Every structure is written in structure tokens, then in C-alpha cells.
C-alpha atoms as a PDB file:
ATOM      1  CA  GLY A   1       0.000   0.000   0.000  1.00  0.00           C
ATOM      2  CA  ASP A   2       0.818   3.662  -0.032  1.00  0.00           C
ATOM      3  CA  HIS A   3       2.756   5.424   2.676  1.00  0.00           C
ATOM      4  CA  PRO A   4       0.360   7.070   5.173  1.00  0.00           C
ATOM      5  CA  ALA A   5       1.803  10.528   4.443  1.00  0.00           C
ATOM      6  CA  VAL A   6       1.005  10.093   0.741  1.00  0.00           C
ATOM      7  CA  THR A   7      -2.533   9.004   1.610  1.00  0.00           C
ATOM      8  CA  VAL A   8      -3.068  12.076   3.837  1.00  0.00           C
ATOM      9  CA  GLY A   9      -1.608  14.303   1.106  1.00  0.00           C
ATOM     10  CA  HIS A  10      -4.027  12.899  -1.470  1.00  0.00           C
ATOM     11  CA  ALA A  11      -6.940  13.348   0.924  1.00  0.00           C
ATOM     12  CA  ILE A  12      -6.031  17.018   1.502  1.00  0.00           C
ATOM     13  CA  THR A  13      -5.738  17.553  -2.260  1.00  0.00           C
ATOM     14  CA  ASN A  14      -9.146  15.958  -2.830  1.00  0.00           C
ATOM     15  CA  LEU A  15     -10.660  18.113  -0.074  1.00  0.00           C
ATOM     16  CA  ALA A  16      -9.189  21.256  -1.646  1.00  0.00           C
ATOM     17  CA  VAL A  17     -10.618  20.312  -5.043  1.00  0.00           C
ATOM     18  CA  ALA A  18     -14.036  19.611  -3.519  1.00  0.00           C
ATOM     19  CA  CYS A  19     -14.124  22.891  -1.553  1.00  0.00           C
ATOM     20  CA  TRP A  20     -12.384  25.270  -3.947  1.00  0.00           C
ATOM     21  CA  GLY A  21     -12.668  23.565  -7.350  1.00  0.00           C
ATOM     22  CA  PRO A  22     -15.942  25.273  -8.327  1.00  0.00           C
ATOM     23  CA  THR A  23     -14.469  28.715  -7.513  1.00  0.00           C
ATOM     24  CA  CYS A  24     -13.588  30.399 -10.799  1.00  0.00           C
ATOM     25  CA  ARG A  25     -12.858  33.905  -9.537  1.00  0.00           C
ATOM     26  CA  LEU A  26     -11.925  35.825  -6.413  1.00  0.00           C
ATOM     27  CA  GLU A  27     -15.033  35.948  -4.285  1.00  0.00           C
ATOM     28  CA  PRO A  28     -16.143  35.523  -0.686  1.00  0.00           C
ATOM     29  CA  VAL A  29     -15.865  32.060   0.771  1.00  0.00           C
ATOM     30  CA  GLY A  30     -19.279  30.651   1.553  1.00  0.00           C
ATOM     31  CA  ALA A  31     -19.999  29.620   5.125  1.00  0.00           C
ATOM     32  CA  ALA A  32     -20.682  26.026   4.083  1.00  0.00           C
ATOM     33  CA  ALA A  33     -17.376  25.690   2.192  1.00  0.00           C
ATOM     34  CA  ARG A  34     -15.408  27.205   5.063  1.00  0.00           C
ATOM     35  CA  ALA A  35     -17.102  25.004   7.669  1.00  0.00           C
ATOM     36  CA  ARG A  36     -16.468  21.901   5.566  1.00  0.00           C
ATOM     37  CA  TRP A  37     -12.823  22.851   5.041  1.00  0.00           C
ATOM     38  CA  GLU A  38     -12.196  23.537   8.741  1.00  0.00           C
ATOM     39  CA  LYS A  39     -13.901  20.342   9.887  1.00  0.00           C
ATOM     40  CA  GLU A  40     -12.301  18.013   7.367  1.00  0.00           C
ATOM     41  CA  ILE A  41      -8.794  19.518   7.548  1.00  0.00           C
ATOM     42  CA  GLU A  42      -8.855  18.899  11.307  1.00  0.00           C
ATOM     43  CA  TRP A  43      -9.831  15.280  10.684  1.00  0.00           C
ATOM     44  CA  LEU A  44      -7.000  14.882   8.185  1.00  0.00           C
ATOM     45  CA  LEU A  45      -4.370  16.555  10.373  1.00  0.00           C
ATOM     46  CA  LEU A  46      -5.325  14.693  13.534  1.00  0.00           C
ATOM     47  CA  PRO A  47      -3.151  11.638  12.746  1.00  0.00           C
ATOM     48  CA  VAL A  48      -0.224  13.926  11.889  1.00  0.00           C
ATOM     49  CA  GLN A  49      -0.380  15.393  15.393  1.00  0.00           C
ATOM     50  CA  HIS A  50       0.351  11.914  16.766  1.00  0.00           C
ATOM     51  CA  ILE A  51       3.509  11.230  14.768  1.00  0.00           C
ATOM     52  CA  VAL A  52       6.026  11.301  17.570  1.00  0.00           C
ATOM     53  CA  MET A  53       9.565  10.323  18.318  1.00  0.00           C
ATOM     54  CA  MET A  54      10.719   8.854  21.589  1.00  0.00           C
ATOM     55  CA  ARG A  55      13.541  10.485  23.526  1.00  0.00           C
ATOM     56  CA  PRO A  56      15.063   9.391  26.820  1.00  0.00           C
ATOM     57  CA  ALA A  57      14.270  11.638  29.772  1.00  0.00           C
ATOM     58  CA  VAL A  58      14.696  11.491  33.533  1.00  0.00           C
ATOM     59  CA  LYS A  59      11.654  11.479  35.803  1.00  0.00           C
ATOM     60  CA  VAL A  60      11.908  12.126  39.524  1.00  0.00           C
ATOM     61  CA  LEU A  61       9.470  10.065  41.586  1.00  0.00           C
ATOM     62  CA  ASP A  62       7.798  11.274  44.800  1.00  0.00           C
ATOM     63  CA  ASP A  63      10.429   9.533  46.952  1.00  0.00           C
ATOM     64  CA  GLY A  64      13.264  11.303  45.090  1.00  0.00           C
ATOM     65  CA  THR A  65      14.248   8.302  42.985  1.00  0.00           C
ATOM     66  CA  ARG A  66      15.344   9.193  39.474  1.00  0.00           C
ATOM     67  CA  VAL A  67      14.245   6.843  36.714  1.00  0.00           C
ATOM     68  CA  GLU A  68      14.851   6.980  33.012  1.00  0.00           C
ATOM     69  CA  VAL A  69      11.700   7.040  30.886  1.00  0.00           C
ATOM     70  CA  MET A  70      10.953   7.547  27.222  1.00  0.00           C
ATOM     71  CA  GLN A  71       9.352  10.911  26.453  1.00  0.00           C
ATOM     72  CA  ARG A  72       7.022  11.321  23.473  1.00  0.00           C
ATOM     73  CA  LEU A  73       7.818  14.410  21.397  1.00  0.00           C
ATOM     74  CA  LEU A  74       6.167  15.627  18.230  1.00  0.00           C
ATOM     75  CA  ARG A  75       8.557  15.130  15.333  1.00  0.00           C
ATOM     76  CA  GLU A  76      10.580  18.315  14.716  1.00  0.00           C
ATOM     77  CA  ASP A  77       9.478  18.882  11.123  1.00  0.00           C
ATOM     78  CA  ILE A  78       5.836  18.508  12.129  1.00  0.00           C
ATOM     79  CA  ALA A  79       6.274  20.713  15.204  1.00  0.00           C
ATOM     80  CA  ASP A  80       7.606  23.453  12.898  1.00  0.00           C
ATOM     81  CA  ALA A  81       5.270  22.987   9.924  1.00  0.00           C
ATOM     82  CA  LEU A  82       1.908  22.409  11.615  1.00  0.00           C
ATOM     83  CA  PRO A  83       1.656  25.803  13.389  1.00  0.00           C
ATOM     84  CA  ALA A  84       2.861  27.526  10.200  1.00  0.00           C
ATOM     85  CA  LEU A  85       0.195  25.713   8.197  1.00  0.00           C
ATOM     86  CA  ARG A  86      -2.487  26.860  10.653  1.00  0.00           C
ATOM     87  CA  ARG A  87      -1.245  30.487  10.479  1.00  0.00           C
ATOM     88  CA  ILE A  88      -1.291  30.443   6.672  1.00  0.00           C
ATOM     89  CA  ASP A  89      -4.772  28.924   6.683  1.00  0.00           C
ATOM     90  CA  ALA A  90      -6.019  31.659   9.052  1.00  0.00           C
ATOM     91  CA  ALA A  91      -4.355  34.379   6.954  1.00  0.00           C
ATOM     92  CA  LEU A  92      -5.958  33.030   3.768  1.00  0.00           C
ATOM     93  CA  PHE A  93      -9.420  33.081   5.310  1.00  0.00           C
ATOM     94  CA  GLY A  94      -8.692  36.559   6.687  1.00  0.00           C
ATOM     95  CA  VAL A  95      -8.012  37.841   3.178  1.00  0.00           C
ATOM     96  CA  LEU A  96     -10.954  36.005   1.639  1.00  0.00           C
ATOM     97  CA  SER A  97     -13.343  37.308   4.313  1.00  0.00           C
ATOM     98  CA  ARG A  98     -12.411  40.880   3.332  1.00  0.00           C
ATOM     99  CA  PHE A  99     -13.967  40.280  -0.084  1.00  0.00           C
ATOM    100  CA  ARG A 100     -17.321  39.943   1.644  1.00  0.00           C
ATOM    101  CA  ASP A 101     -16.917  43.288   3.396  1.00  0.00           C
ATOM    102  CA  GLY A 102     -16.102  45.033   0.149  1.00  0.00           C
ATOM    103  CA  GLY A 103     -12.693  45.985   1.515  1.00  0.00           C
ATOM    104  CA  ILE A 104     -10.752  44.675  -1.466  1.00  0.00           C
ATOM    105  CA  GLU A 105     -11.201  45.709  -5.038  1.00  0.00           C
ATOM    106  CA  VAL A 106      -9.564  43.593  -7.707  1.00  0.00           C
ATOM    107  CA  ARG A 107      -8.754  45.020 -11.102  1.00  0.00           C
ATOM    108  CA  TRP A 108      -7.085  42.970 -13.784  1.00  0.00           C
ATOM    109  CA  ARG A 109      -4.855  44.833 -16.182  1.00  0.00           C
ATOM    110  CA  SER A 110      -2.640  43.600 -18.941  1.00  0.00           C
ATOM    111  CA  ASN A 111       1.078  44.159 -18.906  1.00  0.00           C
ATOM    112  CA  PRO A 112       2.252  46.725 -21.444  1.00  0.00           C
ATOM    113  CA  ALA A 113       4.214  45.326 -24.349  1.00  0.00           C
ATOM    114  CA  PRO A 114       7.981  45.952 -24.046  1.00  0.00           C
END
């Protein structure tokens, strides 16, 4: 079978096509499309949040005894990328919500010939 990361990547691509595929121009994001995106992207990213690596750590018990245990840490690349992905997602919806308020005007112009 496919690697789980590839499967999650395909699922996110399919979700993006389903939510944004019908959009042919810059316009406000409908409440239904945004709700679907937010709900399903959380479902898809949930397994990613549980990809961990084990690292030795020392735990001090109540009686002062020190024991070595394995500590679960989110993988470094995921710990860096996941918050960035969430910030970008929030920024995108912030921009798209301004279309609804009429705060952005888009004008297409052609480049002058050299």
C-alpha cells in the first residue's frame, strides 16, 4: 500500500478540489465551504499530530528516585510545519473574508508590451 503521508496528502488535495474547485474567480468564501474545510482539515491533520519520536528523559518520583523514561515528542518537522500551516490557513481566510466586506477591489490589467 501507499505510505500514510502520501494518503493524507491525497486526501487534503481531494478536499481542496471539492471545496475550492468550483471557484472560478476571487469571491467571498461561503460559510458552508469554510465550515467543511475547517472540519475536514482537522480530521485529516489529527493523525499527523500523533507522529512522535521517543527520547530518553529522567523522571523524579515522589520519593526522590530518578528513573529513566521515554518521552514522546512531536517530530521536529511537524512541530515546525503544523503551526505555520495553521497560520497560513487563518491568513488566507482573513483575506478572503475581506472580499465579503467590500474591503478589497480587484482590477485585472494587462502588462504593457515591451
